[in-house]
Amino acid sequence: MSREGRHPWAIVVPFALPGEKICVHTYRQGRLHSYDDLPEVITPNAERRDDSRVLFMLSYDTRLDLKRDVVAKAYQNYFSK
């Protein structure tokens, strides 16, 4: 995410999934990121969210896929400078 075309801005929201519409509460900001609580999921990601799981809302395979995406994007951003 970018704030008005400036530096990249990361928002860290535990328990939120890509593609969800969420309501957040920011409680701490850093240089290029903020930490947020997740008081409400407005529109859940029906393909990925499974609230019947106690600890993880995602299957193991889905978690691995998301981690691969994050690493690939970080790698791409780092070497595209």
N, C-alpha and C. Protein backbone atom coordinates (compact mmCIF):
# COMPACT_ATOMS: atom_id res chain seq x y z
N MET A 1 0.84 -1.17 0.00
CA MET A 1 0.00 0.00 0.00
C MET A 1 0.88 1.23 0.00
N SER A 2 0.45 2.28 -0.62
CA SER A 2 1.21 3.51 -0.69
C SER A 2 0.37 4.67 -0.20
N ARG A 3 1.00 5.55 0.53
CA ARG A 3 0.30 6.74 1.02
C ARG A 3 0.56 7.89 0.06
N GLU A 4 -0.40 8.20 -0.78
CA GLU A 4 -0.34 9.31 -1.73
C GLU A 4 0.90 9.27 -2.61
N GLY A 5 1.28 8.09 -3.06
CA GLY A 5 2.38 7.96 -3.98
C GLY A 5 3.76 8.13 -3.37
N ARG A 6 3.84 8.24 -2.06
CA ARG A 6 5.14 8.38 -1.40
C ARG A 6 5.77 7.01 -1.22
N HIS A 7 6.35 6.78 -0.08
CA HIS A 7 7.02 5.51 0.20
C HIS A 7 5.99 4.39 0.37
N PRO A 8 6.42 3.14 0.13
CA PRO A 8 5.52 2.02 0.40
C PRO A 8 5.12 2.01 1.88
N TRP A 9 3.90 1.66 2.15
CA TRP A 9 3.40 1.66 3.52
C TRP A 9 2.79 0.30 3.80
N ALA A 10 3.25 -0.37 4.83
CA ALA A 10 2.71 -1.67 5.21
C ALA A 10 1.80 -1.51 6.41
N ILE A 11 0.67 -2.16 6.36
CA ILE A 11 -0.27 -2.17 7.48
C ILE A 11 -0.34 -3.59 7.99
N VAL A 12 0.08 -3.79 9.24
CA VAL A 12 0.13 -5.11 9.84
C VAL A 12 -1.17 -5.32 10.63
N VAL A 13 -2.00 -6.25 10.15
CA VAL A 13 -3.29 -6.53 10.79
C VAL A 13 -3.41 -8.04 11.01
N PRO A 14 -3.15 -8.50 12.24
CA PRO A 14 -3.30 -9.93 12.50
C PRO A 14 -4.73 -10.42 12.24
N PHE A 15 -4.84 -11.59 11.68
CA PHE A 15 -6.10 -12.29 11.42
C PHE A 15 -6.88 -11.74 10.23
N ALA A 16 -6.35 -10.76 9.50
CA ALA A 16 -7.00 -10.29 8.28
C ALA A 16 -6.42 -11.05 7.10
N LEU A 17 -7.25 -11.29 6.09
CA LEU A 17 -6.81 -12.03 4.91
C LEU A 17 -6.87 -11.14 3.69
N PRO A 18 -6.04 -11.42 2.68
CA PRO A 18 -6.10 -10.66 1.44
C PRO A 18 -7.50 -10.74 0.83
N GLY A 19 -7.96 -9.64 0.29
CA GLY A 19 -9.26 -9.59 -0.36
C GLY A 19 -10.43 -9.29 0.56
N GLU A 20 -10.18 -9.13 1.84
CA GLU A 20 -11.27 -8.83 2.78
C GLU A 20 -11.42 -7.33 2.96
N LYS A 21 -12.63 -6.92 3.18
CA LYS A 21 -12.91 -5.54 3.54
C LYS A 21 -13.01 -5.52 5.07
N ILE A 22 -12.15 -4.73 5.70
CA ILE A 22 -12.05 -4.77 7.16
C ILE A 22 -12.11 -3.38 7.77
N CYS A 23 -12.42 -3.33 9.03
CA CYS A 23 -12.37 -2.11 9.83
C CYS A 23 -11.20 -2.30 10.78
N VAL A 24 -10.29 -1.32 10.85
CA VAL A 24 -9.11 -1.47 11.69
C VAL A 24 -8.99 -0.31 12.68
N HIS A 25 -8.21 -0.55 13.71
CA HIS A 25 -7.89 0.46 14.70
C HIS A 25 -6.36 0.52 14.81
N THR A 26 -5.77 1.63 14.38
CA THR A 26 -4.32 1.78 14.43
C THR A 26 -3.88 2.11 15.84
N TYR A 27 -2.93 1.34 16.37
CA TYR A 27 -2.46 1.60 17.72
C TYR A 27 -0.98 1.95 17.77
N ARG A 28 -0.25 1.77 16.68
CA ARG A 28 1.17 2.15 16.67
C ARG A 28 1.63 2.35 15.24
N GLN A 29 2.46 3.37 15.01
CA GLN A 29 3.00 3.61 13.69
C GLN A 29 4.52 3.64 13.75
N GLY A 30 5.11 3.08 12.73
CA GLY A 30 6.56 3.11 12.56
C GLY A 30 6.91 3.98 11.39
N ARG A 31 8.14 3.86 10.92
CA ARG A 31 8.60 4.69 9.82
C ARG A 31 7.86 4.40 8.51
N LEU A 32 7.71 3.13 8.18
CA LEU A 32 7.04 2.75 6.93
C LEU A 32 5.93 1.73 7.14
N HIS A 33 5.39 1.68 8.37
CA HIS A 33 4.35 0.70 8.65
C HIS A 33 3.50 1.15 9.84
N SER A 34 2.37 0.51 9.98
CA SER A 34 1.54 0.71 11.17
C SER A 34 1.02 -0.64 11.63
N TYR A 35 0.73 -0.72 12.92
CA TYR A 35 0.15 -1.93 13.51
C TYR A 35 -1.30 -1.62 13.84
N ASP A 36 -2.18 -2.53 13.45
CA ASP A 36 -3.61 -2.31 13.63
C ASP A 36 -4.28 -3.51 14.28
N ASP A 37 -5.32 -3.24 15.04
CA ASP A 37 -6.20 -4.29 15.55
C ASP A 37 -7.31 -4.52 14.54
N LEU A 38 -7.92 -5.67 14.61
CA LEU A 38 -9.01 -6.02 13.70
C LEU A 38 -10.31 -6.17 14.48
N PRO A 39 -11.01 -5.07 14.72
CA PRO A 39 -12.26 -5.20 15.47
C PRO A 39 -13.40 -5.81 14.67
N GLU A 40 -13.34 -5.68 13.31
CA GLU A 40 -14.47 -6.17 12.51
C GLU A 40 -14.04 -6.55 11.10
N VAL A 41 -14.53 -7.68 10.63
CA VAL A 41 -14.40 -8.07 9.23
C VAL A 41 -15.73 -7.74 8.58
N ILE A 42 -15.72 -6.77 7.69
CA ILE A 42 -16.96 -6.32 7.05
C ILE A 42 -17.38 -7.30 5.96
N THR A 43 -16.45 -7.63 5.07
CA THR A 43 -16.71 -8.62 4.01
C THR A 43 -15.60 -9.65 4.05
N PRO A 44 -15.87 -10.87 4.54
CA PRO A 44 -14.82 -11.89 4.63
C PRO A 44 -14.45 -12.46 3.26
N ASN A 45 -13.27 -13.01 3.18
CA ASN A 45 -12.82 -13.71 1.99
C ASN A 45 -13.38 -15.13 2.08
N ALA A 46 -14.47 -15.37 1.39
CA ALA A 46 -15.18 -16.65 1.49
C ALA A 46 -14.35 -17.83 1.00
N GLU A 47 -13.43 -17.58 0.07
CA GLU A 47 -12.61 -18.66 -0.47
C GLU A 47 -11.55 -19.13 0.52
N ARG A 48 -11.07 -18.24 1.38
CA ARG A 48 -9.94 -18.58 2.25
C ARG A 48 -10.30 -18.69 3.73
N ARG A 49 -11.22 -17.89 4.21
CA ARG A 49 -11.52 -17.86 5.64
C ARG A 49 -12.35 -19.07 6.04
N ASP A 50 -11.90 -19.76 7.07
CA ASP A 50 -12.62 -20.90 7.63
C ASP A 50 -12.65 -20.72 9.14
N ASP A 51 -13.69 -20.10 9.66
CA ASP A 51 -13.79 -19.79 11.08
C ASP A 51 -14.03 -21.02 11.94
N SER A 52 -14.23 -22.17 11.34
CA SER A 52 -14.40 -23.38 12.13
C SER A 52 -13.07 -23.88 12.69
N ARG A 53 -11.97 -23.38 12.15
CA ARG A 53 -10.64 -23.76 12.66
C ARG A 53 -10.37 -22.95 13.91
N VAL A 54 -9.86 -23.58 14.93
CA VAL A 54 -9.67 -22.91 16.21
C VAL A 54 -8.48 -21.95 16.18
N LEU A 55 -7.31 -22.43 15.79
CA LEU A 55 -6.11 -21.60 15.85
C LEU A 55 -5.84 -20.88 14.55
N PHE A 56 -5.91 -21.59 13.43
CA PHE A 56 -5.64 -20.99 12.13
C PHE A 56 -6.91 -20.97 11.31
N MET A 57 -7.18 -19.84 10.68
CA MET A 57 -8.38 -19.74 9.86
C MET A 57 -8.13 -20.21 8.43
N LEU A 58 -6.88 -20.61 8.15
CA LEU A 58 -6.51 -21.06 6.81
C LEU A 58 -5.94 -22.47 6.88
N SER A 59 -6.12 -23.19 5.80
CA SER A 59 -5.49 -24.50 5.73
C SER A 59 -3.98 -24.31 5.59
N TYR A 60 -3.23 -25.35 5.86
CA TYR A 60 -1.77 -25.29 5.78
C TYR A 60 -1.32 -24.92 4.37
N ASP A 61 -1.92 -25.55 3.36
CA ASP A 61 -1.55 -25.26 1.97
C ASP A 61 -1.82 -23.81 1.60
N THR A 62 -2.94 -23.27 2.05
CA THR A 62 -3.27 -21.88 1.76
C THR A 62 -2.28 -20.93 2.44
N ARG A 63 -1.89 -21.26 3.69
CA ARG A 63 -0.89 -20.43 4.38
C ARG A 63 0.44 -20.43 3.63
N LEU A 64 0.84 -21.60 3.12
CA LEU A 64 2.08 -21.66 2.35
C LEU A 64 1.99 -20.83 1.07
N ASP A 65 0.85 -20.88 0.39
CA ASP A 65 0.66 -20.08 -0.82
C ASP A 65 0.78 -18.59 -0.52
N LEU A 66 0.16 -18.14 0.57
CA LEU A 66 0.25 -16.72 0.94
C LEU A 66 1.68 -16.33 1.27
N LYS A 67 2.39 -17.17 1.99
CA LYS A 67 3.78 -16.88 2.34
C LYS A 67 4.65 -16.81 1.09
N ARG A 68 4.41 -17.71 0.12
CA ARG A 68 5.16 -17.66 -1.14
C ARG A 68 4.92 -16.34 -1.85
N ASP A 69 3.67 -15.88 -1.86
CA ASP A 69 3.34 -14.60 -2.50
C ASP A 69 4.08 -13.45 -1.84
N VAL A 70 4.11 -13.43 -0.52
CA VAL A 70 4.78 -12.36 0.21
C VAL A 70 6.27 -12.35 -0.08
N VAL A 71 6.89 -13.53 -0.05
CA VAL A 71 8.33 -13.62 -0.31
C VAL A 71 8.63 -13.22 -1.75
N ALA A 72 7.82 -13.66 -2.69
CA ALA A 72 8.03 -13.32 -4.10
C ALA A 72 7.92 -11.82 -4.32
N LYS A 73 6.94 -11.17 -3.71
CA LYS A 73 6.78 -9.72 -3.85
C LYS A 73 7.95 -8.97 -3.21
N ALA A 74 8.38 -9.42 -2.04
CA ALA A 74 9.51 -8.78 -1.37
C ALA A 74 10.77 -8.93 -2.21
N TYR A 75 10.99 -10.10 -2.76
CA TYR A 75 12.15 -10.35 -3.61
C TYR A 75 12.10 -9.46 -4.84
N GLN A 76 10.94 -9.38 -5.47
CA GLN A 76 10.77 -8.56 -6.66
C GLN A 76 11.01 -7.08 -6.35
N ASN A 77 10.44 -6.59 -5.25
CA ASN A 77 10.62 -5.19 -4.87
C ASN A 77 12.08 -4.88 -4.53
N TYR A 78 12.75 -5.80 -3.88
CA TYR A 78 14.14 -5.58 -3.47
C TYR A 78 15.06 -5.49 -4.69
N PHE A 79 14.87 -6.37 -5.67
CA PHE A 79 15.76 -6.41 -6.81
C PHE A 79 15.30 -5.53 -7.98
N SER A 80 14.18 -4.86 -7.85
CA SER A 80 13.74 -3.95 -8.92
C SER A 80 14.22 -2.52 -8.70
N LYS A 81 14.97 -2.31 -7.65
CA LYS A 81 15.48 -0.95 -7.36
C LYS A 81 16.60 -0.57 -8.28
